[in-house]
């Protein structure tokens, strides 16, 4: 990859709004300190909320947190995160809204 390609990728990354990996599970494993849903630590969550956090950091953190998840947990995260990117809702939030709509 040449310098121009790297610069283009970096600029694209900085212009892109990267969606938080929170998928509304929000329970932390007491041993590892990782969220069961997204694999983030409490420190990761704070950094994600900081308006000065770069997209480069977010992209790297997304890659890192996927290494913390495995098997069904990783599969569930990837499906729910993709839903959040495409629709604005994690699968859990979508299920809750569907349930509420059926009651009304």
N, C-alpha and C. Protein backbone atom coordinates (compact mmCIF):
# COMPACT_ATOMS: atom_id res chain seq x y z
N UNK A 1 0.85 -1.17 0.00
CA UNK A 1 0.00 0.00 0.00
C UNK A 1 0.90 1.24 0.00
N UNK A 2 0.64 2.13 -0.94
CA UNK A 2 1.49 3.32 -1.00
C UNK A 2 0.94 4.42 -0.10
N UNK A 3 1.68 5.50 -0.01
CA UNK A 3 1.35 6.61 0.89
C UNK A 3 0.00 7.23 0.54
N UNK A 4 -0.32 7.35 -0.73
CA UNK A 4 -1.59 7.95 -1.14
C UNK A 4 -2.76 7.08 -0.68
N UNK A 5 -2.64 5.76 -0.84
CA UNK A 5 -3.69 4.85 -0.39
C UNK A 5 -3.88 4.94 1.12
N UNK A 6 -2.78 4.97 1.86
CA UNK A 6 -2.86 5.08 3.32
C UNK A 6 -3.54 6.38 3.73
N UNK A 7 -3.18 7.47 3.07
CA UNK A 7 -3.78 8.78 3.38
C UNK A 7 -5.28 8.75 3.10
N UNK A 8 -5.69 8.15 1.99
CA UNK A 8 -7.10 8.05 1.64
C UNK A 8 -7.87 7.24 2.68
N UNK A 9 -7.32 6.11 3.08
CA UNK A 9 -7.97 5.27 4.09
C UNK A 9 -8.10 6.04 5.40
N UNK A 10 -7.04 6.74 5.80
CA UNK A 10 -7.07 7.50 7.04
C UNK A 10 -8.12 8.61 6.97
N UNK A 11 -8.18 9.34 5.85
CA UNK A 11 -9.17 10.41 5.72
C UNK A 11 -10.58 9.84 5.75
N UNK A 12 -10.81 8.73 5.07
CA UNK A 12 -12.13 8.10 5.06
C UNK A 12 -12.53 7.71 6.47
N UNK A 13 -11.57 7.18 7.22
CA UNK A 13 -11.82 6.75 8.58
C UNK A 13 -12.20 7.95 9.45
N UNK A 14 -11.53 9.07 9.25
CA UNK A 14 -11.80 10.25 10.07
C UNK A 14 -13.14 10.89 9.74
N UNK A 15 -13.59 10.76 8.50
CA UNK A 15 -14.85 11.37 8.09
C UNK A 15 -16.05 10.52 8.47
N UNK A 16 -15.85 9.26 8.65
CA UNK A 16 -16.91 8.30 8.91
C UNK A 16 -17.35 8.36 10.37
N UNK A 17 -18.65 8.31 10.59
CA UNK A 17 -19.18 8.25 11.95
C UNK A 17 -19.23 6.78 12.36
N UNK A 18 -18.41 6.41 13.30
CA UNK A 18 -18.34 5.02 13.73
C UNK A 18 -19.30 4.81 14.90
N UNK A 19 -20.20 3.87 14.71
CA UNK A 19 -21.26 3.59 15.68
C UNK A 19 -20.70 2.85 16.89
N UNK A 20 -21.17 3.23 18.07
CA UNK A 20 -20.77 2.56 19.30
C UNK A 20 -21.10 1.07 19.22
N UNK A 21 -20.20 0.22 19.73
CA UNK A 21 -20.46 -1.22 19.69
C UNK A 21 -21.45 -1.72 20.73
N UNK A 22 -22.00 -0.83 21.55
CA UNK A 22 -22.97 -1.26 22.56
C UNK A 22 -24.18 -1.89 21.86
N UNK A 23 -24.53 -3.11 22.26
CA UNK A 23 -25.69 -3.79 21.69
C UNK A 23 -26.76 -4.03 22.76
N UNK A 24 -26.72 -3.24 23.83
CA UNK A 24 -27.75 -3.20 24.87
C UNK A 24 -27.80 -4.43 25.77
N UNK A 25 -26.68 -5.12 25.92
CA UNK A 25 -26.61 -6.22 26.89
C UNK A 25 -26.17 -5.65 28.23
N UNK A 26 -25.08 -4.91 28.24
CA UNK A 26 -24.62 -4.10 29.37
C UNK A 26 -24.51 -4.84 30.71
N UNK A 27 -23.89 -5.99 30.67
CA UNK A 27 -23.55 -6.74 31.89
C UNK A 27 -22.07 -7.08 31.80
N UNK A 28 -21.33 -6.78 32.86
CA UNK A 28 -19.89 -6.99 32.85
C UNK A 28 -19.51 -8.26 33.60
N UNK A 29 -18.66 -9.05 32.97
CA UNK A 29 -18.14 -10.26 33.60
C UNK A 29 -17.23 -9.84 34.75
N UNK A 30 -17.48 -10.33 35.97
CA UNK A 30 -16.69 -9.89 37.12
C UNK A 30 -15.24 -10.37 37.09
N UNK A 31 -14.95 -11.41 36.33
CA UNK A 31 -13.58 -11.93 36.27
C UNK A 31 -12.76 -11.19 35.21
N UNK A 32 -13.28 -11.12 33.99
CA UNK A 32 -12.51 -10.51 32.89
C UNK A 32 -12.66 -8.99 32.84
N UNK A 33 -13.79 -8.49 33.33
CA UNK A 33 -14.06 -7.06 33.23
C UNK A 33 -14.63 -6.66 31.88
N UNK A 34 -14.97 -7.65 31.03
CA UNK A 34 -15.51 -7.38 29.70
C UNK A 34 -17.03 -7.48 29.72
N UNK A 35 -17.67 -6.61 28.96
CA UNK A 35 -19.12 -6.68 28.80
C UNK A 35 -19.46 -7.96 28.05
N UNK A 36 -20.48 -8.68 28.52
CA UNK A 36 -20.89 -9.92 27.87
C UNK A 36 -21.40 -9.66 26.45
N UNK A 37 -21.94 -8.48 26.20
CA UNK A 37 -22.51 -8.18 24.89
C UNK A 37 -21.50 -7.69 23.88
N UNK A 38 -20.71 -6.67 24.25
CA UNK A 38 -19.82 -6.03 23.27
C UNK A 38 -18.35 -6.27 23.53
N UNK A 39 -18.00 -6.83 24.67
CA UNK A 39 -16.60 -7.13 24.95
C UNK A 39 -15.77 -5.94 25.43
N UNK A 40 -16.42 -4.80 25.65
CA UNK A 40 -15.66 -3.62 26.09
C UNK A 40 -15.45 -3.63 27.60
N UNK A 41 -14.38 -2.97 28.02
CA UNK A 41 -14.16 -2.73 29.45
C UNK A 41 -14.87 -1.44 29.82
N UNK A 42 -14.99 -1.16 31.11
CA UNK A 42 -15.58 0.11 31.53
C UNK A 42 -14.75 1.28 31.02
N UNK A 43 -13.43 1.11 30.99
CA UNK A 43 -12.55 2.17 30.47
C UNK A 43 -12.82 2.39 28.98
N UNK A 44 -12.98 1.31 28.22
CA UNK A 44 -13.31 1.44 26.80
C UNK A 44 -14.58 2.26 26.61
N UNK A 45 -15.58 1.99 27.43
CA UNK A 45 -16.87 2.68 27.31
C UNK A 45 -16.71 4.18 27.53
N UNK A 46 -15.88 4.55 28.50
CA UNK A 46 -15.63 5.97 28.77
C UNK A 46 -14.95 6.63 27.57
N UNK A 47 -13.96 5.95 27.01
CA UNK A 47 -13.23 6.51 25.87
C UNK A 47 -14.16 6.67 24.67
N UNK A 48 -15.06 5.71 24.43
CA UNK A 48 -16.00 5.81 23.32
C UNK A 48 -16.88 7.05 23.45
N UNK A 49 -17.25 7.41 24.67
CA UNK A 49 -18.14 8.56 24.89
C UNK A 49 -17.43 9.90 24.79
N UNK A 50 -16.11 9.89 24.85
CA UNK A 50 -15.33 11.13 24.79
C UNK A 50 -15.36 11.67 23.36
N UNK A 51 -15.81 12.91 23.20
CA UNK A 51 -15.93 13.50 21.86
C UNK A 51 -14.59 13.68 21.16
N UNK A 52 -13.50 13.63 21.90
CA UNK A 52 -12.17 13.79 21.31
C UNK A 52 -11.54 12.46 20.87
N UNK A 53 -12.24 11.37 21.10
CA UNK A 53 -11.72 10.06 20.70
C UNK A 53 -11.73 9.96 19.18
N UNK A 54 -10.61 9.56 18.62
CA UNK A 54 -10.48 9.48 17.16
C UNK A 54 -11.16 8.23 16.61
N UNK A 55 -11.54 8.31 15.36
CA UNK A 55 -12.10 7.14 14.68
C UNK A 55 -11.06 6.04 14.55
N UNK A 56 -9.80 6.43 14.43
CA UNK A 56 -8.74 5.43 14.35
C UNK A 56 -8.73 4.58 15.63
N UNK A 57 -8.87 5.23 16.80
CA UNK A 57 -8.92 4.49 18.06
C UNK A 57 -10.14 3.57 18.07
N UNK A 58 -11.28 4.10 17.62
CA UNK A 58 -12.52 3.31 17.62
C UNK A 58 -12.40 2.07 16.74
N UNK A 59 -11.83 2.24 15.55
CA UNK A 59 -11.64 1.10 14.64
C UNK A 59 -10.74 0.06 15.28
N UNK A 60 -9.65 0.51 15.89
CA UNK A 60 -8.74 -0.43 16.55
C UNK A 60 -9.40 -1.11 17.74
N UNK A 61 -10.22 -0.36 18.48
CA UNK A 61 -10.92 -0.94 19.62
C UNK A 61 -11.94 -1.98 19.17
N UNK A 62 -12.64 -1.70 18.07
CA UNK A 62 -13.59 -2.69 17.53
C UNK A 62 -12.88 -3.99 17.19
N UNK A 63 -11.71 -3.89 16.58
CA UNK A 63 -10.94 -5.10 16.26
C UNK A 63 -10.53 -5.83 17.53
N UNK A 64 -10.08 -5.06 18.53
CA UNK A 64 -9.63 -5.65 19.79
C UNK A 64 -10.77 -6.34 20.52
N UNK A 65 -11.92 -5.68 20.62
CA UNK A 65 -13.01 -6.28 21.39
C UNK A 65 -13.53 -7.55 20.73
N UNK A 66 -13.42 -7.66 19.41
CA UNK A 66 -13.84 -8.89 18.75
C UNK A 66 -12.95 -10.06 19.14
N UNK A 67 -11.70 -9.77 19.52
CA UNK A 67 -10.82 -10.85 19.97
C UNK A 67 -11.19 -11.33 21.37
N UNK A 68 -11.97 -10.53 22.08
CA UNK A 68 -12.40 -10.88 23.44
C UNK A 68 -13.64 -11.76 23.43
N UNK A 69 -14.32 -11.83 22.30
CA UNK A 69 -15.54 -12.61 22.16
C UNK A 69 -15.24 -13.84 21.32
N UNK A 70 -15.99 -14.91 21.53
CA UNK A 70 -15.77 -16.11 20.71
C UNK A 70 -17.08 -16.86 20.50
N UNK A 71 -17.07 -17.72 19.50
CA UNK A 71 -18.18 -18.62 19.18
C UNK A 71 -19.50 -17.89 19.07
N UNK A 72 -20.53 -18.36 19.77
CA UNK A 72 -21.88 -17.79 19.69
C UNK A 72 -21.90 -16.33 20.13
N UNK A 73 -21.05 -16.00 21.09
CA UNK A 73 -21.02 -14.63 21.61
C UNK A 73 -20.55 -13.65 20.52
N UNK A 74 -19.51 -14.03 19.80
CA UNK A 74 -19.00 -13.20 18.71
C UNK A 74 -20.03 -13.13 17.59
N UNK A 75 -20.65 -14.25 17.26
CA UNK A 75 -21.66 -14.29 16.22
C UNK A 75 -22.84 -13.38 16.57
N UNK A 76 -23.31 -13.47 17.82
CA UNK A 76 -24.43 -12.64 18.27
C UNK A 76 -24.05 -11.16 18.23
N UNK A 77 -22.83 -10.84 18.67
CA UNK A 77 -22.38 -9.45 18.63
C UNK A 77 -22.37 -8.93 17.20
N UNK A 78 -21.76 -9.69 16.29
CA UNK A 78 -21.63 -9.22 14.91
C UNK A 78 -22.99 -9.01 14.25
N UNK A 79 -23.94 -9.90 14.49
CA UNK A 79 -25.29 -9.75 13.91
C UNK A 79 -26.00 -8.54 14.51
N UNK A 80 -25.90 -8.38 15.82
CA UNK A 80 -26.58 -7.27 16.48
C UNK A 80 -25.94 -5.93 16.13
N UNK A 81 -24.61 -5.90 16.06
CA UNK A 81 -23.91 -4.66 15.70
C UNK A 81 -24.23 -4.27 14.25
N UNK A 82 -24.30 -5.26 13.36
CA UNK A 82 -24.66 -4.98 11.97
C UNK A 82 -26.07 -4.41 11.89
N UNK A 83 -26.99 -4.95 12.68
CA UNK A 83 -28.35 -4.43 12.74
C UNK A 83 -28.34 -2.98 13.21
N UNK A 84 -27.53 -2.69 14.21
CA UNK A 84 -27.44 -1.34 14.74
C UNK A 84 -26.90 -0.38 13.69
N UNK A 85 -25.91 -0.80 12.93
CA UNK A 85 -25.34 0.04 11.87
C UNK A 85 -26.39 0.30 10.79
N UNK A 86 -27.13 -0.73 10.41
CA UNK A 86 -28.09 -0.62 9.30
C UNK A 86 -29.39 0.07 9.69
N UNK A 87 -29.87 -0.17 10.93
CA UNK A 87 -31.20 0.32 11.31
C UNK A 87 -31.19 1.30 12.48
N UNK A 88 -30.06 1.38 13.17
CA UNK A 88 -29.99 2.23 14.36
C UNK A 88 -30.39 1.49 15.63
N UNK A 89 -30.79 0.22 15.49
CA UNK A 89 -31.23 -0.56 16.64
C UNK A 89 -30.48 -1.88 16.73
N UNK A 90 -30.02 -2.20 17.94
CA UNK A 90 -29.46 -3.53 18.17
C UNK A 90 -30.61 -4.53 18.11
N UNK A 91 -30.29 -5.81 17.99
CA UNK A 91 -31.35 -6.83 17.92
C UNK A 91 -32.18 -6.87 19.19
N UNK A 92 -31.56 -6.61 20.34
CA UNK A 92 -32.30 -6.60 21.61
C UNK A 92 -33.31 -5.45 21.61
N UNK A 93 -32.86 -4.25 21.23
CA UNK A 93 -33.79 -3.11 21.20
C UNK A 93 -34.89 -3.33 20.18
N UNK A 94 -34.55 -3.94 19.04
CA UNK A 94 -35.55 -4.23 18.01
C UNK A 94 -36.61 -5.18 18.57
N UNK A 95 -36.17 -6.21 19.29
CA UNK A 95 -37.10 -7.19 19.87
C UNK A 95 -38.02 -6.52 20.90
N UNK A 96 -37.46 -5.65 21.73
CA UNK A 96 -38.26 -4.93 22.73
C UNK A 96 -39.31 -4.06 22.05
N UNK A 97 -38.91 -3.31 21.02
CA UNK A 97 -39.85 -2.46 20.30
C UNK A 97 -40.94 -3.27 19.61
N UNK A 98 -40.57 -4.39 19.00
CA UNK A 98 -41.56 -5.26 18.36
C UNK A 98 -42.57 -5.77 19.37
N UNK A 99 -42.08 -6.14 20.55
CA UNK A 99 -42.95 -6.64 21.61
C UNK A 99 -43.91 -5.55 22.08
N UNK A 100 -43.40 -4.34 22.24
CA UNK A 100 -44.25 -3.23 22.67
C UNK A 100 -45.29 -2.88 21.61
N UNK A 101 -44.89 -2.95 20.34
CA UNK A 101 -45.82 -2.65 19.24
C UNK A 101 -46.94 -3.67 19.16
N UNK A 102 -46.66 -4.93 19.47
CA UNK A 102 -47.68 -5.97 19.45
C UNK A 102 -48.71 -5.76 20.56
N UNK A 103 -48.26 -5.19 21.68
CA UNK A 103 -49.16 -4.94 22.81
C UNK A 103 -50.11 -3.79 22.51
N UNK A 104 -49.68 -2.86 21.69
CA UNK A 104 -50.50 -1.67 21.40
C UNK A 104 -51.45 -1.92 20.31
